């Protein structure tokens, strides 16, 4: 499976509740930031996944992070909302 397919599978797995958001963020960040050949992605996918990767790299499950460092971290809700935008953008459900 190519890295592009792995990214889409991670999105599908999170959407289908097969993995939790912490696992999703860890794996999405690793694949997108370190492993993928960006030529595998369309220009639109690269832009969308880049936005999502920024969020996954700064995901936190800890409320105190949001209090101590406002506008630095992203929550599970933020990540899932961005995924929903991506699914709509690419007509996937």
N, C-alpha and C. Protein backbone atom coordinates (compact mmCIF):
# COMPACT_ATOMS: atom_id res chain seq x y z
N UNK A 1 0.85 -1.18 0.00
CA UNK A 1 0.00 0.00 0.00
C UNK A 1 0.90 1.24 0.00
N UNK A 2 0.64 2.15 -0.90
CA UNK A 2 1.40 3.39 -0.97
C UNK A 2 1.01 4.30 0.19
N UNK A 3 1.89 5.25 0.48
CA UNK A 3 1.64 6.16 1.59
C UNK A 3 0.36 6.97 1.41
N UNK A 4 0.07 7.37 0.18
CA UNK A 4 -1.17 8.10 -0.09
C UNK A 4 -2.37 7.28 0.37
N UNK A 5 -2.37 6.01 0.02
CA UNK A 5 -3.47 5.12 0.42
C UNK A 5 -3.51 4.95 1.93
N UNK A 6 -2.33 4.93 2.56
CA UNK A 6 -2.28 4.80 4.02
C UNK A 6 -2.92 6.02 4.69
N UNK A 7 -2.68 7.21 4.14
CA UNK A 7 -3.29 8.41 4.71
C UNK A 7 -4.81 8.36 4.61
N UNK A 8 -5.31 7.98 3.45
CA UNK A 8 -6.77 7.87 3.29
C UNK A 8 -7.33 6.77 4.19
N UNK A 9 -6.60 5.67 4.35
CA UNK A 9 -7.07 4.60 5.23
C UNK A 9 -7.13 5.08 6.67
N UNK A 10 -6.15 5.85 7.10
CA UNK A 10 -6.19 6.41 8.45
C UNK A 10 -7.42 7.29 8.64
N UNK A 11 -7.73 8.11 7.65
CA UNK A 11 -8.92 8.96 7.73
C UNK A 11 -10.17 8.09 7.83
N UNK A 12 -10.25 7.07 6.99
CA UNK A 12 -11.40 6.16 7.03
C UNK A 12 -11.49 5.44 8.37
N UNK A 13 -10.36 4.97 8.88
CA UNK A 13 -10.35 4.24 10.15
C UNK A 13 -10.79 5.12 11.31
N UNK A 14 -10.36 6.38 11.33
CA UNK A 14 -10.80 7.28 12.39
C UNK A 14 -12.29 7.57 12.27
N UNK A 15 -12.72 7.82 11.05
CA UNK A 15 -14.14 8.11 10.81
C UNK A 15 -15.01 6.93 11.20
N UNK A 16 -14.53 5.71 10.98
CA UNK A 16 -15.28 4.49 11.32
C UNK A 16 -15.02 4.03 12.75
N UNK A 17 -14.32 4.84 13.54
CA UNK A 17 -14.01 4.53 14.95
C UNK A 17 -13.20 3.24 15.11
N UNK A 18 -12.36 2.93 14.13
CA UNK A 18 -11.49 1.75 14.23
C UNK A 18 -10.19 2.08 14.97
N UNK A 19 -9.84 3.36 15.01
CA UNK A 19 -8.68 3.84 15.75
C UNK A 19 -9.09 5.09 16.51
N UNK A 20 -8.32 5.42 17.54
CA UNK A 20 -8.63 6.65 18.27
C UNK A 20 -7.82 7.81 17.67
N UNK A 21 -8.17 9.00 18.09
CA UNK A 21 -7.57 10.20 17.51
C UNK A 21 -6.07 10.29 17.81
N UNK A 22 -5.64 9.80 18.95
CA UNK A 22 -4.22 9.85 19.30
C UNK A 22 -3.40 9.00 18.32
N UNK A 23 -3.86 7.80 18.03
CA UNK A 23 -3.18 6.93 17.06
C UNK A 23 -3.22 7.57 15.67
N UNK A 24 -4.38 8.10 15.30
CA UNK A 24 -4.51 8.76 14.01
C UNK A 24 -3.48 9.88 13.86
N UNK A 25 -3.42 10.75 14.84
CA UNK A 25 -2.51 11.90 14.76
C UNK A 25 -1.05 11.46 14.68
N UNK A 26 -0.67 10.51 15.50
CA UNK A 26 0.70 10.01 15.49
C UNK A 26 1.07 9.46 14.11
N UNK A 27 0.19 8.59 13.57
CA UNK A 27 0.50 7.93 12.30
C UNK A 27 0.38 8.87 11.11
N UNK A 28 -0.62 9.74 11.12
CA UNK A 28 -0.78 10.68 10.00
C UNK A 28 0.42 11.61 9.92
N UNK A 29 0.84 12.14 11.06
CA UNK A 29 2.00 13.05 11.08
C UNK A 29 3.24 12.34 10.58
N UNK A 30 3.48 11.14 11.05
CA UNK A 30 4.67 10.39 10.65
C UNK A 30 4.68 10.14 9.14
N UNK A 31 3.57 9.64 8.61
CA UNK A 31 3.52 9.32 7.18
C UNK A 31 3.63 10.58 6.34
N UNK A 32 2.83 11.60 6.65
CA UNK A 32 2.82 12.80 5.81
C UNK A 32 4.12 13.58 5.91
N UNK A 33 4.64 13.72 7.11
CA UNK A 33 5.82 14.57 7.29
C UNK A 33 7.14 13.86 6.97
N UNK A 34 7.18 12.54 7.09
CA UNK A 34 8.46 11.84 6.97
C UNK A 34 8.55 10.80 5.86
N UNK A 35 7.44 10.20 5.48
CA UNK A 35 7.52 9.02 4.63
C UNK A 35 6.99 9.19 3.21
N UNK A 36 6.09 10.09 2.99
CA UNK A 36 5.40 10.14 1.69
C UNK A 36 6.26 10.82 0.63
N UNK A 37 6.11 10.35 -0.58
CA UNK A 37 6.63 11.02 -1.76
C UNK A 37 5.49 11.93 -2.22
N UNK A 38 5.66 13.23 -2.08
CA UNK A 38 4.57 14.16 -2.36
C UNK A 38 4.06 14.10 -3.79
N UNK A 39 4.84 13.49 -4.69
CA UNK A 39 4.39 13.32 -6.06
C UNK A 39 3.21 12.35 -6.15
N UNK A 40 3.01 11.54 -5.09
CA UNK A 40 1.86 10.63 -5.06
C UNK A 40 0.54 11.38 -4.90
N UNK A 41 0.60 12.59 -4.39
CA UNK A 41 -0.60 13.36 -4.06
C UNK A 41 -0.94 14.35 -5.16
N UNK A 42 -2.22 14.58 -5.32
CA UNK A 42 -2.64 15.68 -6.18
C UNK A 42 -2.30 16.99 -5.44
N UNK A 43 -2.29 18.08 -6.15
CA UNK A 43 -2.02 19.37 -5.53
C UNK A 43 -3.03 19.67 -4.43
N UNK A 44 -4.30 19.33 -4.68
CA UNK A 44 -5.36 19.58 -3.70
C UNK A 44 -5.18 18.69 -2.46
N UNK A 45 -4.81 17.43 -2.68
CA UNK A 45 -4.57 16.54 -1.53
C UNK A 45 -3.40 17.05 -0.70
N UNK A 46 -2.34 17.47 -1.37
CA UNK A 46 -1.18 17.94 -0.63
C UNK A 46 -1.53 19.15 0.24
N UNK A 47 -2.30 20.08 -0.28
CA UNK A 47 -2.70 21.25 0.50
C UNK A 47 -3.59 20.85 1.67
N UNK A 48 -4.57 19.99 1.40
CA UNK A 48 -5.50 19.56 2.45
C UNK A 48 -4.78 18.77 3.53
N UNK A 49 -3.93 17.85 3.12
CA UNK A 49 -3.21 17.01 4.08
C UNK A 49 -2.16 17.82 4.85
N UNK A 50 -1.61 18.85 4.22
CA UNK A 50 -0.67 19.71 4.92
C UNK A 50 -1.36 20.45 6.06
N UNK A 51 -2.56 20.97 5.80
CA UNK A 51 -3.34 21.63 6.87
C UNK A 51 -3.63 20.65 7.99
N UNK A 52 -4.05 19.43 7.61
CA UNK A 52 -4.37 18.42 8.61
C UNK A 52 -3.13 18.01 9.39
N UNK A 53 -2.00 17.89 8.72
CA UNK A 53 -0.77 17.50 9.38
C UNK A 53 -0.32 18.54 10.42
N UNK A 54 -0.53 19.79 10.12
CA UNK A 54 -0.24 20.84 11.11
C UNK A 54 -1.05 20.59 12.38
N UNK A 55 -2.30 20.21 12.20
CA UNK A 55 -3.17 19.95 13.34
C UNK A 55 -2.77 18.67 14.07
N UNK A 56 -2.47 17.62 13.32
CA UNK A 56 -2.14 16.35 13.97
C UNK A 56 -0.83 16.44 14.73
N UNK A 57 0.10 17.23 14.23
CA UNK A 57 1.38 17.40 14.92
C UNK A 57 1.22 18.17 16.22
N UNK A 58 0.17 18.97 16.32
CA UNK A 58 -0.07 19.78 17.51
C UNK A 58 -1.34 19.35 18.24
N UNK A 59 -1.71 18.09 18.10
CA UNK A 59 -2.87 17.56 18.81
C UNK A 59 -2.55 17.39 20.29
N UNK A 60 -3.53 17.70 21.11
CA UNK A 60 -3.40 17.44 22.55
C UNK A 60 -4.73 16.95 23.09
N UNK A 61 -4.66 15.99 23.98
CA UNK A 61 -5.85 15.49 24.67
C UNK A 61 -5.98 16.11 26.06
N UNK A 62 -5.11 17.04 26.38
CA UNK A 62 -5.06 17.60 27.73
C UNK A 62 -5.60 19.02 27.77
N UNK A 63 -6.66 19.21 28.55
CA UNK A 63 -7.30 20.51 28.68
C UNK A 63 -6.34 21.58 29.17
N UNK A 64 -5.41 21.20 30.04
CA UNK A 64 -4.47 22.20 30.57
C UNK A 64 -3.58 22.79 29.47
N UNK A 65 -3.31 22.04 28.41
CA UNK A 65 -2.55 22.59 27.29
C UNK A 65 -3.29 23.75 26.63
N UNK A 66 -4.59 23.62 26.52
CA UNK A 66 -5.40 24.67 25.89
C UNK A 66 -5.49 25.90 26.77
N UNK A 67 -5.43 25.69 28.07
CA UNK A 67 -5.48 26.80 29.02
C UNK A 67 -4.14 27.52 29.07
N UNK A 68 -3.06 26.76 29.20
CA UNK A 68 -1.72 27.35 29.31
C UNK A 68 -1.23 27.96 28.00
N UNK A 69 -1.60 27.33 26.89
CA UNK A 69 -1.09 27.75 25.58
C UNK A 69 -2.24 27.90 24.58
N UNK A 70 -3.02 28.95 24.75
CA UNK A 70 -4.16 29.12 23.83
C UNK A 70 -3.70 29.25 22.38
N UNK A 71 -4.46 28.66 21.50
CA UNK A 71 -4.23 28.73 20.05
C UNK A 71 -2.93 28.04 19.59
N UNK A 72 -2.39 27.16 20.42
CA UNK A 72 -1.20 26.41 20.04
C UNK A 72 -1.58 24.98 19.67
N UNK A 73 -2.44 24.37 20.47
CA UNK A 73 -2.81 22.97 20.30
C UNK A 73 -4.16 22.82 19.63
N UNK A 74 -4.38 21.62 19.09
CA UNK A 74 -5.66 21.28 18.47
C UNK A 74 -6.29 20.11 19.22
N UNK A 75 -7.61 20.15 19.33
CA UNK A 75 -8.36 19.13 20.05
C UNK A 75 -8.85 18.04 19.10
N UNK A 76 -9.41 16.99 19.68
CA UNK A 76 -10.03 15.93 18.89
C UNK A 76 -11.12 16.52 18.00
N UNK A 77 -11.90 17.42 18.56
CA UNK A 77 -12.97 18.07 17.77
C UNK A 77 -12.39 18.81 16.57
N UNK A 78 -11.30 19.54 16.78
CA UNK A 78 -10.66 20.29 15.68
C UNK A 78 -10.20 19.35 14.57
N UNK A 79 -9.54 18.27 14.96
CA UNK A 79 -9.02 17.30 13.98
C UNK A 79 -10.17 16.68 13.20
N UNK A 80 -11.21 16.25 13.89
CA UNK A 80 -12.34 15.62 13.21
C UNK A 80 -13.10 16.60 12.32
N UNK A 81 -13.18 17.86 12.72
CA UNK A 81 -13.83 18.87 11.88
C UNK A 81 -13.04 19.07 10.59
N UNK A 82 -11.71 19.09 10.68
CA UNK A 82 -10.87 19.23 9.49
C UNK A 82 -11.02 18.02 8.58
N UNK A 83 -11.09 16.85 9.16
CA UNK A 83 -11.30 15.63 8.37
C UNK A 83 -12.63 15.70 7.63
N UNK A 84 -13.66 16.17 8.30
CA UNK A 84 -14.96 16.31 7.64
C UNK A 84 -14.88 17.26 6.45
N UNK A 85 -14.13 18.35 6.58
CA UNK A 85 -13.94 19.28 5.46
C UNK A 85 -13.25 18.57 4.29
N UNK A 86 -12.23 17.79 4.62
CA UNK A 86 -11.49 17.07 3.58
C UNK A 86 -12.39 16.05 2.89
N UNK A 87 -13.18 15.33 3.65
CA UNK A 87 -14.08 14.34 3.06
C UNK A 87 -15.09 15.02 2.12
N UNK A 88 -15.60 16.16 2.53
CA UNK A 88 -16.51 16.91 1.65
C UNK A 88 -15.78 17.42 0.42
N UNK A 89 -14.58 17.96 0.59
CA UNK A 89 -13.81 18.48 -0.52
C UNK A 89 -13.55 17.43 -1.58
N UNK A 90 -13.28 16.20 -1.15
CA UNK A 90 -12.94 15.13 -2.09
C UNK A 90 -14.11 14.19 -2.34
N UNK A 91 -15.29 14.61 -1.92
CA UNK A 91 -16.53 13.85 -2.17
C UNK A 91 -16.42 12.40 -1.70
N UNK A 92 -15.89 12.25 -0.50
CA UNK A 92 -15.78 10.94 0.13
C UNK A 92 -16.66 10.95 1.36
N UNK A 93 -17.19 9.79 1.67
CA UNK A 93 -18.01 9.73 2.90
C UNK A 93 -17.70 8.49 3.68
